[in-house]
Amino acid sequence: MIALRRAILIVITVVAGGGAASAAEMPASGIFLVATSQIRDPNFRETVVLVTQPQRGGPFGVIVNRPLNRRLEEALPQYETLKGKKDVVYFGGPVARQALVFVVRSAQPPPRAIRVLKDVYITVDREEIEGLLKRPDPTKALRVYAGHSGWAPGQLQNEIRRGGWHIVPADAETVFEKDAATIWHDLSKRAALRRARITGDVSGAWY
């Protein structure tokens, strides 16, 4: 079990980086990375990673199709609203595995949040997170991840050029509504049809 306060402090250090812009001002830069057969690392084999670009550092994101055998009520036992819920923690990536990352879908930008998609945010605001977890339906439009995925500047671009990842437009429905067991197969088929053009497209992209 990890204390919520400690988990949030770790995430703030990783993703908030002292940037001055609010979530409402930040562009939505999220994409899906879909692992190809060239990815041998067991942490990323057959994964789909929701990735965005923070104001500082390299790309950052969470794996969206790796549910763990650990319920939220076990990870955060202090919240009575989670008792009896079947929702689980997801494996977000191999970095800082003991830290919890909170991804929320909201029409309004949460405080101290990182915008990923138009209405999807990584939130690091303690009061916001506690407010979400104390709702009658605490897991609505909320996903909790253990750890995250990150790359040094230029590292991900090289992996894409070597054919390790397909690039697919990201959407909230895949993150919050689809069966995790089907996400990689579905997006791999979409990528095969789409065949994102790496040469030229990548040169001007943030990743």
Protein backbone atom coordinates (compact mmCIF):
# COMPACT_ATOMS: atom_id res chain seq x y z
CA MET A 1 0.00 0.00 0.00
CA ILE A 2 1.27 3.49 -0.81
CA ALA A 3 0.10 6.63 0.96
CA LEU A 4 -1.92 8.89 -1.29
CA ARG A 5 0.02 11.98 -0.22
CA ARG A 6 3.38 10.37 -1.06
CA ALA A 7 2.10 9.05 -4.38
CA ILE A 8 0.91 12.49 -5.45
CA LEU A 9 4.15 14.16 -4.41
CA ILE A 10 6.09 11.70 -6.59
CA VAL A 11 3.83 12.37 -9.56
CA ILE A 12 4.11 16.14 -9.08
CA THR A 13 7.89 15.83 -9.22
CA VAL A 14 7.73 13.73 -12.37
CA VAL A 15 5.11 15.48 -14.47
CA ALA A 16 4.44 18.94 -13.11
CA GLY A 17 8.03 20.14 -13.30
CA GLY A 18 7.25 23.69 -12.19
CA GLY A 19 5.52 24.68 -15.44
CA ALA A 20 3.61 27.92 -15.26
CA ALA A 21 0.84 27.25 -17.77
CA SER A 22 -2.52 25.99 -16.54
CA ALA A 23 -4.13 22.87 -17.99
CA ALA A 24 -6.64 25.03 -19.84
CA GLU A 25 -3.79 26.83 -21.62
CA MET A 26 -1.84 23.72 -22.57
CA PRO A 27 -2.43 22.06 -25.96
CA ALA A 28 -3.81 18.53 -26.10
CA SER A 29 -0.82 16.59 -27.39
CA GLY A 30 -1.79 13.01 -26.58
CA ILE A 31 -1.26 10.09 -28.96
CA PHE A 32 -1.35 6.31 -28.69
CA LEU A 33 1.84 4.35 -29.15
CA VAL A 34 1.01 0.82 -30.28
CA ALA A 35 3.81 -1.68 -29.76
CA THR A 36 4.94 -3.59 -32.84
CA SER A 37 6.45 -7.07 -32.89
CA GLN A 38 9.89 -5.46 -32.60
CA ILE A 39 9.25 -4.53 -28.99
CA ARG A 40 10.82 -7.32 -26.93
CA ASP A 41 10.87 -5.58 -23.57
CA PRO A 42 8.27 -7.44 -21.45
CA ASN A 43 7.22 -4.12 -19.91
CA PHE A 44 5.97 -2.94 -23.30
CA ARG A 45 5.23 -6.08 -25.32
CA GLU A 46 1.73 -5.83 -26.86
CA THR A 47 1.01 -2.56 -25.10
CA VAL A 48 -0.76 0.65 -25.99
CA VAL A 49 0.66 3.73 -24.30
CA LEU A 50 -1.19 7.03 -23.96
CA VAL A 51 1.61 9.58 -24.31
CA THR A 52 1.79 13.33 -23.96
CA GLN A 53 4.57 15.90 -23.84
CA PRO A 54 5.01 17.84 -20.57
CA GLN A 55 6.46 21.33 -20.56
CA ARG A 56 9.79 19.92 -19.47
CA GLY A 57 11.67 16.73 -20.24
CA GLY A 58 10.79 13.91 -22.58
CA PRO A 59 7.47 12.25 -23.44
CA PHE A 60 5.45 10.84 -20.57
CA GLY A 61 2.46 8.52 -20.42
CA VAL A 62 0.74 5.41 -19.12
CA ILE A 63 0.06 1.96 -20.53
CA VAL A 64 -3.72 1.70 -20.92
CA ASN A 65 -4.16 -2.05 -21.50
CA ARG A 66 -2.38 -3.67 -18.54
CA PRO A 67 -4.82 -4.12 -15.64
CA LEU A 68 -3.19 -5.54 -12.53
CA ASN A 69 -4.56 -8.18 -10.22
CA ARG A 70 -5.03 -5.53 -7.55
CA ARG A 71 -8.27 -3.75 -6.79
CA LEU A 72 -8.43 -0.05 -6.06
CA GLU A 73 -9.99 -0.78 -2.68
CA GLU A 74 -6.76 -2.62 -1.77
CA ALA A 75 -4.48 0.14 -3.02
CA LEU A 76 -6.49 2.91 -1.35
CA PRO A 77 -8.24 1.24 1.61
CA GLN A 78 -8.93 4.55 3.37
CA TYR A 79 -11.77 5.35 0.96
CA GLU A 80 -15.06 3.76 1.96
CA THR A 81 -16.54 4.55 -1.46
CA LEU A 82 -14.18 2.00 -3.04
CA LYS A 83 -15.35 -0.87 -0.84
CA GLY A 84 -16.79 -3.66 -2.97
CA LYS A 85 -15.76 -2.03 -6.24
CA LYS A 86 -14.23 -4.34 -8.83
CA ASP A 87 -12.17 -1.59 -10.44
CA VAL A 88 -8.46 -2.35 -10.52
CA VAL A 89 -5.17 -0.49 -10.65
CA TYR A 90 -3.46 -0.52 -14.07
CA PHE A 91 0.24 -0.94 -14.74
CA GLY A 92 1.23 2.45 -16.12
CA GLY A 93 4.85 1.63 -16.85
CA PRO A 94 8.18 0.63 -15.35
CA VAL A 95 9.09 4.09 -13.97
CA ALA A 96 8.28 4.80 -10.29
CA ARG A 97 6.11 1.69 -9.94
CA GLN A 98 5.22 2.57 -6.35
CA ALA A 99 3.66 5.89 -7.36
CA LEU A 100 0.03 6.23 -8.39
CA VAL A 101 -0.87 8.23 -11.49
CA PHE A 102 -4.45 9.54 -11.77
CA VAL A 103 -6.00 10.05 -15.21
CA VAL A 104 -9.41 11.72 -15.30
CA ARG A 105 -11.92 12.63 -17.98
CA SER A 106 -13.47 16.00 -17.26
CA ALA A 107 -15.17 18.81 -19.16
CA GLN A 108 -13.37 21.30 -16.91
CA PRO A 109 -9.57 21.23 -16.41
CA PRO A 110 -8.74 20.03 -12.89
CA PRO A 111 -6.29 22.15 -10.85
CA ARG A 112 -2.60 21.41 -11.37
CA ALA A 113 -3.31 19.01 -14.20
CA ILE A 114 -1.45 17.92 -17.32
CA ARG A 115 -3.69 18.02 -20.39
CA VAL A 116 -3.43 14.86 -22.47
CA LEU A 117 -6.50 15.01 -24.73
CA LYS A 118 -9.24 17.60 -25.13
CA ASP A 119 -11.04 16.33 -22.03
CA VAL A 120 -8.49 13.97 -20.47
CA TYR A 121 -5.97 15.02 -17.83
CA ILE A 122 -3.30 13.64 -15.56
CA THR A 123 -4.15 15.33 -12.29
CA VAL A 124 -1.77 15.85 -9.39
CA ASP A 125 -4.01 17.98 -7.21
CA ARG A 126 -4.55 16.28 -3.86
CA GLU A 127 -7.91 17.89 -3.16
CA GLU A 128 -9.17 17.07 -6.65
CA ILE A 129 -8.14 13.43 -6.33
CA GLU A 130 -9.67 13.05 -2.88
CA GLY A 131 -12.85 14.70 -4.12
CA LEU A 132 -13.08 12.20 -6.96
CA LEU A 133 -12.45 9.24 -4.68
CA LYS A 134 -15.11 10.36 -2.19
CA ARG A 135 -17.88 10.61 -4.81
CA PRO A 136 -20.77 8.10 -4.73
CA ASP A 137 -19.34 6.72 -7.99
CA PRO A 138 -15.59 7.26 -7.39
CA THR A 139 -14.26 5.44 -10.46
CA LYS A 140 -16.45 7.17 -13.03
CA ALA A 141 -14.17 8.71 -15.69
CA LEU A 142 -11.14 7.87 -13.55
CA ARG A 143 -8.24 5.47 -14.07
CA VAL A 144 -5.46 4.84 -11.58
CA TYR A 145 -2.07 3.60 -12.72
CA ALA A 146 0.89 2.21 -10.81
CA GLY A 147 3.99 3.74 -12.35
CA HIS A 148 4.36 5.50 -15.66
CA SER A 149 6.26 5.33 -18.92
CA GLY A 150 8.86 7.90 -19.87
CA TRP A 151 11.58 8.60 -22.41
CA ALA A 152 14.55 10.92 -22.55
CA PRO A 153 14.43 13.62 -25.24
CA GLY A 154 14.98 11.96 -28.62
CA GLN A 155 14.75 8.39 -27.29
CA LEU A 156 11.17 7.74 -28.35
CA GLN A 157 11.74 9.30 -31.77
CA ASN A 158 14.56 6.79 -32.34
CA GLU A 159 12.38 3.87 -31.23
CA ILE A 160 9.67 4.94 -33.68
CA ARG A 161 12.14 5.27 -36.53
CA ARG A 162 13.41 1.75 -35.83
CA GLY A 163 9.85 0.45 -36.19
CA GLY A 164 9.14 -0.22 -32.52
CA TRP A 165 5.88 1.74 -32.37
CA HIS A 166 2.88 2.57 -34.51
CA ILE A 167 1.37 6.01 -33.95
CA VAL A 168 -2.42 6.18 -33.68
CA PRO A 169 -4.64 9.15 -32.73
CA ALA A 170 -5.69 8.84 -29.10
CA ASP A 171 -9.27 8.99 -27.83
CA ALA A 172 -10.89 8.97 -24.41
CA GLU A 173 -13.28 6.10 -25.18
CA THR A 174 -10.38 3.67 -25.60
CA VAL A 175 -8.89 4.70 -22.26
CA PHE A 176 -12.07 4.66 -20.18
CA GLU A 177 -14.56 2.38 -21.89
CA LYS A 178 -12.97 -0.36 -23.99
CA ASP A 179 -12.05 -3.83 -22.79
CA ALA A 180 -8.32 -3.76 -22.02
CA ALA A 181 -7.93 -7.25 -23.47
CA THR A 182 -8.92 -6.06 -26.96
CA ILE A 183 -7.22 -2.65 -27.14
CA TRP A 184 -3.84 -3.74 -28.50
CA HIS A 185 -5.34 -6.03 -31.16
CA ASP A 186 -7.88 -3.42 -32.26
CA LEU A 187 -5.35 -0.60 -32.52
CA SER A 188 -2.79 -2.82 -34.22
CA LYS A 189 -5.35 -3.50 -36.94
CA ARG A 190 -6.14 0.20 -37.17
CA ALA A 191 -2.43 1.00 -37.44
CA ALA A 192 -1.94 -1.61 -40.14
CA LEU A 193 -4.67 0.04 -42.20
CA ARG A 194 -3.53 3.53 -41.46
CA ARG A 195 0.23 2.93 -41.76
CA ALA A 196 1.29 6.24 -40.24
CA ARG A 197 4.01 7.74 -42.41
CA ILE A 198 7.03 8.04 -40.15
CA THR A 199 9.32 9.81 -42.61
CA GLY A 200 8.39 13.47 -42.77
CA ASP A 201 5.62 13.23 -40.18
CA VAL A 202 8.01 12.49 -37.32
CA SER A 203 10.47 15.23 -38.20
CA GLY A 204 8.15 17.96 -37.00
CA ALA A 205 6.52 16.13 -34.12
CA TRP A 206 7.28 16.61 -30.42
CA TYR A 207 8.22 12.98 -29.82
